Amino acid sequence: MGVKIEIFRMMLYLSFPVTMFWISNQAEYFEEYIVKRKREIFPPDEKMHRQELEEFKERMRRRQEQKMLKRLGMESENTVEKE
């Protein structure tokens, strides 16, 4: 009797992960749930949204360049004063 229970438990322990793996890797399941959910969370880019993002990146790049130029100007003034 004990051997039969152990065999049943081993079958259950092995069959559950294999079954879940098989179910989750079905193409229909993947398309229906995963891809649709991803499109809900991350909708395709809109031209206006993309343009705003590009403008924001350009502003940030300019701001960073200005900060670097200020920093370099201050460093060059400090070196001139030391000499």
N, C-alpha and C. Protein backbone atom coordinates (compact mmCIF):
# COMPACT_ATOMS: atom_id res chain seq x y z
N MET A 1 0.83 -1.19 0.00
CA MET A 1 0.00 0.00 0.00
C MET A 1 0.87 1.25 0.00
N GLY A 2 1.94 1.29 0.77
CA GLY A 2 2.80 2.45 0.86
C GLY A 2 3.51 2.76 -0.45
N VAL A 3 3.86 1.70 -1.21
CA VAL A 3 4.54 1.89 -2.48
C VAL A 3 3.59 2.53 -3.49
N LYS A 4 2.33 2.14 -3.48
CA LYS A 4 1.35 2.70 -4.41
C LYS A 4 1.13 4.19 -4.13
N ILE A 5 1.09 4.56 -2.89
CA ILE A 5 0.91 5.98 -2.54
C ILE A 5 2.12 6.79 -3.00
N GLU A 6 3.32 6.23 -2.79
CA GLU A 6 4.53 6.93 -3.21
C GLU A 6 4.58 7.09 -4.72
N ILE A 7 4.15 6.05 -5.43
CA ILE A 7 4.11 6.14 -6.90
C ILE A 7 3.10 7.20 -7.33
N PHE A 8 1.94 7.24 -6.70
CA PHE A 8 0.93 8.26 -7.01
C PHE A 8 1.47 9.66 -6.74
N ARG A 9 2.13 9.85 -5.61
CA ARG A 9 2.68 11.16 -5.27
C ARG A 9 3.74 11.57 -6.28
N MET A 10 4.60 10.63 -6.66
CA MET A 10 5.65 10.94 -7.64
C MET A 10 5.03 11.31 -8.98
N MET A 11 3.99 10.60 -9.39
CA MET A 11 3.29 10.92 -10.65
C MET A 11 2.68 12.31 -10.57
N LEU A 12 2.08 12.64 -9.44
CA LEU A 12 1.47 13.95 -9.25
C LEU A 12 2.53 15.04 -9.27
N TYR A 13 3.63 14.83 -8.57
CA TYR A 13 4.70 15.82 -8.51
C TYR A 13 5.30 16.08 -9.89
N LEU A 14 5.41 15.03 -10.71
CA LEU A 14 6.00 15.19 -12.03
C LEU A 14 4.99 15.69 -13.06
N SER A 15 3.74 15.26 -12.95
CA SER A 15 2.77 15.62 -13.98
C SER A 15 2.31 17.07 -13.87
N PHE A 16 2.24 17.63 -12.68
CA PHE A 16 1.77 19.00 -12.54
C PHE A 16 2.66 20.01 -13.27
N PRO A 17 3.98 20.03 -13.01
CA PRO A 17 4.80 21.01 -13.74
C PRO A 17 4.84 20.77 -15.24
N VAL A 18 4.85 19.50 -15.65
CA VAL A 18 4.87 19.20 -17.08
C VAL A 18 3.58 19.67 -17.74
N THR A 19 2.45 19.44 -17.09
CA THR A 19 1.16 19.89 -17.63
C THR A 19 1.09 21.40 -17.70
N MET A 20 1.53 22.08 -16.67
CA MET A 20 1.51 23.54 -16.69
C MET A 20 2.42 24.09 -17.78
N PHE A 21 3.58 23.49 -17.95
CA PHE A 21 4.49 23.90 -19.01
C PHE A 21 3.85 23.70 -20.37
N TRP A 22 3.20 22.57 -20.58
CA TRP A 22 2.56 22.27 -21.86
C TRP A 22 1.43 23.25 -22.14
N ILE A 23 0.60 23.54 -21.13
CA ILE A 23 -0.53 24.45 -21.32
C ILE A 23 -0.04 25.86 -21.61
N SER A 24 0.94 26.32 -20.87
CA SER A 24 1.40 27.71 -21.05
C SER A 24 2.15 27.92 -22.35
N ASN A 25 2.63 26.87 -22.98
CA ASN A 25 3.36 27.02 -24.23
C ASN A 25 2.51 26.73 -25.47
N GLN A 26 1.21 26.70 -25.30
CA GLN A 26 0.33 26.55 -26.46
C GLN A 26 0.27 27.88 -27.20
N ALA A 27 0.36 27.85 -28.51
CA ALA A 27 0.39 29.07 -29.31
C ALA A 27 -0.90 29.87 -29.16
N GLU A 28 -2.03 29.21 -29.10
CA GLU A 28 -3.31 29.92 -28.96
C GLU A 28 -3.36 30.67 -27.64
N TYR A 29 -2.92 30.03 -26.60
CA TYR A 29 -2.90 30.66 -25.29
C TYR A 29 -1.98 31.88 -25.31
N PHE A 30 -0.82 31.69 -25.89
CA PHE A 30 0.15 32.78 -25.93
C PHE A 30 -0.42 33.97 -26.69
N GLU A 31 -0.98 33.72 -27.85
CA GLU A 31 -1.53 34.81 -28.66
C GLU A 31 -2.70 35.47 -27.96
N GLU A 32 -3.57 34.66 -27.41
CA GLU A 32 -4.81 35.20 -26.85
C GLU A 32 -4.56 36.02 -25.59
N TYR A 33 -3.75 35.55 -24.70
CA TYR A 33 -3.59 36.22 -23.42
C TYR A 33 -2.35 37.10 -23.33
N ILE A 34 -1.22 36.57 -23.67
CA ILE A 34 0.03 37.28 -23.45
C ILE A 34 0.18 38.45 -24.42
N VAL A 35 0.00 38.21 -25.71
CA VAL A 35 0.21 39.27 -26.69
C VAL A 35 -0.84 40.37 -26.54
N LYS A 36 -2.09 39.99 -26.32
CA LYS A 36 -3.13 41.01 -26.13
C LYS A 36 -2.87 41.83 -24.88
N ARG A 37 -2.44 41.19 -23.83
CA ARG A 37 -2.16 41.91 -22.58
C ARG A 37 -0.97 42.87 -22.77
N LYS A 38 0.04 42.41 -23.50
CA LYS A 38 1.18 43.27 -23.75
C LYS A 38 0.77 44.49 -24.56
N ARG A 39 -0.10 44.32 -25.52
CA ARG A 39 -0.57 45.45 -26.33
C ARG A 39 -1.42 46.40 -25.51
N GLU A 40 -2.11 45.90 -24.50
CA GLU A 40 -2.87 46.79 -23.62
C GLU A 40 -1.92 47.63 -22.76
N ILE A 41 -0.90 46.99 -22.23
CA ILE A 41 0.03 47.68 -21.35
C ILE A 41 0.93 48.63 -22.15
N PHE A 42 1.48 48.15 -23.27
CA PHE A 42 2.36 48.95 -24.10
C PHE A 42 1.73 49.12 -25.48
N PRO A 43 0.85 50.10 -25.65
CA PRO A 43 0.18 50.27 -26.94
C PRO A 43 1.19 50.66 -28.02
N PRO A 44 0.86 50.37 -29.27
CA PRO A 44 1.77 50.75 -30.36
C PRO A 44 2.01 52.26 -30.34
N ASP A 45 3.20 52.64 -30.77
CA ASP A 45 3.57 54.06 -30.74
C ASP A 45 2.67 54.88 -31.66
N GLU A 46 2.27 56.01 -31.13
CA GLU A 46 1.54 56.96 -31.94
C GLU A 46 2.54 58.00 -32.40
N LYS A 47 2.30 58.58 -33.57
CA LYS A 47 3.26 59.54 -34.11
C LYS A 47 3.41 60.74 -33.19
N MET A 48 2.32 61.24 -32.64
CA MET A 48 2.38 62.40 -31.77
C MET A 48 3.17 62.08 -30.50
N HIS A 49 2.91 60.92 -29.94
CA HIS A 49 3.61 60.50 -28.73
C HIS A 49 5.11 60.36 -29.01
N ARG A 50 5.45 59.76 -30.12
CA ARG A 50 6.85 59.58 -30.49
C ARG A 50 7.52 60.94 -30.70
N GLN A 51 6.83 61.87 -31.32
CA GLN A 51 7.38 63.20 -31.56
C GLN A 51 7.64 63.92 -30.23
N GLU A 52 6.70 63.84 -29.31
CA GLU A 52 6.89 64.45 -28.00
C GLU A 52 8.09 63.85 -27.28
N LEU A 53 8.24 62.55 -27.39
CA LEU A 53 9.36 61.88 -26.75
C LEU A 53 10.69 62.33 -27.36
N GLU A 54 10.73 62.44 -28.68
CA GLU A 54 11.96 62.90 -29.34
C GLU A 54 12.29 64.34 -28.94
N GLU A 55 11.29 65.20 -28.85
CA GLU A 55 11.51 66.58 -28.43
C GLU A 55 12.04 66.64 -27.00
N PHE A 56 11.47 65.81 -26.13
CA PHE A 56 11.93 65.75 -24.74
C PHE A 56 13.39 65.31 -24.67
N LYS A 57 13.74 64.28 -25.42
CA LYS A 57 15.12 63.80 -25.42
C LYS A 57 16.08 64.88 -25.92
N GLU A 58 15.65 65.62 -26.94
CA GLU A 58 16.49 66.70 -27.48
C GLU A 58 16.69 67.80 -26.44
N ARG A 59 15.62 68.19 -25.73
CA ARG A 59 15.74 69.21 -24.68
C ARG A 59 16.69 68.75 -23.58
N MET A 60 16.57 67.50 -23.18
CA MET A 60 17.43 66.97 -22.12
C MET A 60 18.89 66.94 -22.58
N ARG A 61 19.12 66.59 -23.84
CA ARG A 61 20.48 66.55 -24.37
C ARG A 61 21.09 67.95 -24.37
N ARG A 62 20.30 68.96 -24.81
CA ARG A 62 20.79 70.33 -24.81
C ARG A 62 21.10 70.82 -23.40
N ARG A 63 20.20 70.50 -22.46
CA ARG A 63 20.40 70.91 -21.07
C ARG A 63 21.68 70.29 -20.51
N GLN A 64 21.91 69.03 -20.82
CA GLN A 64 23.10 68.36 -20.33
C GLN A 64 24.36 68.97 -20.95
N GLU A 65 24.30 69.30 -22.24
CA GLU A 65 25.44 69.94 -22.89
C GLU A 65 25.74 71.29 -22.26
N GLN A 66 24.70 72.07 -21.95
CA GLN A 66 24.90 73.37 -21.33
C GLN A 66 25.55 73.22 -19.95
N LYS A 67 25.12 72.26 -19.19
CA LYS A 67 25.72 72.02 -17.88
C LYS A 67 27.20 71.65 -18.02
N MET A 68 27.50 70.81 -19.00
CA MET A 68 28.89 70.42 -19.21
C MET A 68 29.73 71.62 -19.64
N LEU A 69 29.18 72.47 -20.51
CA LEU A 69 29.92 73.65 -20.93
C LEU A 69 30.17 74.60 -19.76
N LYS A 70 29.15 74.78 -18.90
CA LYS A 70 29.34 75.62 -17.72
C LYS A 70 30.43 75.05 -16.82
N ARG A 71 30.37 73.74 -16.60
CA ARG A 71 31.36 73.08 -15.74
C ARG A 71 32.76 73.23 -16.31
N LEU A 72 32.88 73.05 -17.65
CA LEU A 72 34.20 73.20 -18.26
C LEU A 72 34.67 74.65 -18.18
N GLY A 73 33.74 75.60 -18.34
CA GLY A 73 34.10 77.01 -18.22
C GLY A 73 34.58 77.34 -16.82
N MET A 74 33.91 76.81 -15.80
CA MET A 74 34.31 77.05 -14.41
C MET A 74 35.67 76.41 -14.13
N GLU A 75 35.89 75.22 -14.65
CA GLU A 75 37.17 74.54 -14.43
C GLU A 75 38.30 75.30 -15.10
N SER A 76 38.04 75.82 -16.31
CA SER A 76 39.09 76.56 -17.00
C SER A 76 39.38 77.87 -16.27
N GLU A 77 38.37 78.54 -15.70
CA GLU A 77 38.58 79.76 -14.92
C GLU A 77 39.41 79.45 -13.68
N ASN A 78 39.14 78.32 -13.04
CA ASN A 78 39.88 77.94 -11.83
C ASN A 78 41.35 77.68 -12.16
N THR A 79 41.61 77.05 -13.28
CA THR A 79 43.01 76.76 -13.65
C THR A 79 43.74 78.06 -14.01
N VAL A 80 43.03 79.00 -14.65
CA VAL A 80 43.64 80.28 -15.00
C VAL A 80 43.97 81.07 -13.73
N GLU A 81 43.09 81.07 -12.75
CA GLU A 81 43.30 81.79 -11.49
C GLU A 81 44.47 81.19 -10.71
N LYS A 82 44.64 79.88 -10.78
CA LYS A 82 45.73 79.23 -10.04
C LYS A 82 47.08 79.59 -10.62
N GLU A 83 47.13 79.82 -11.92
CA GLU A 83 48.41 80.12 -12.57
C GLU A 83 48.75 81.51 -12.30
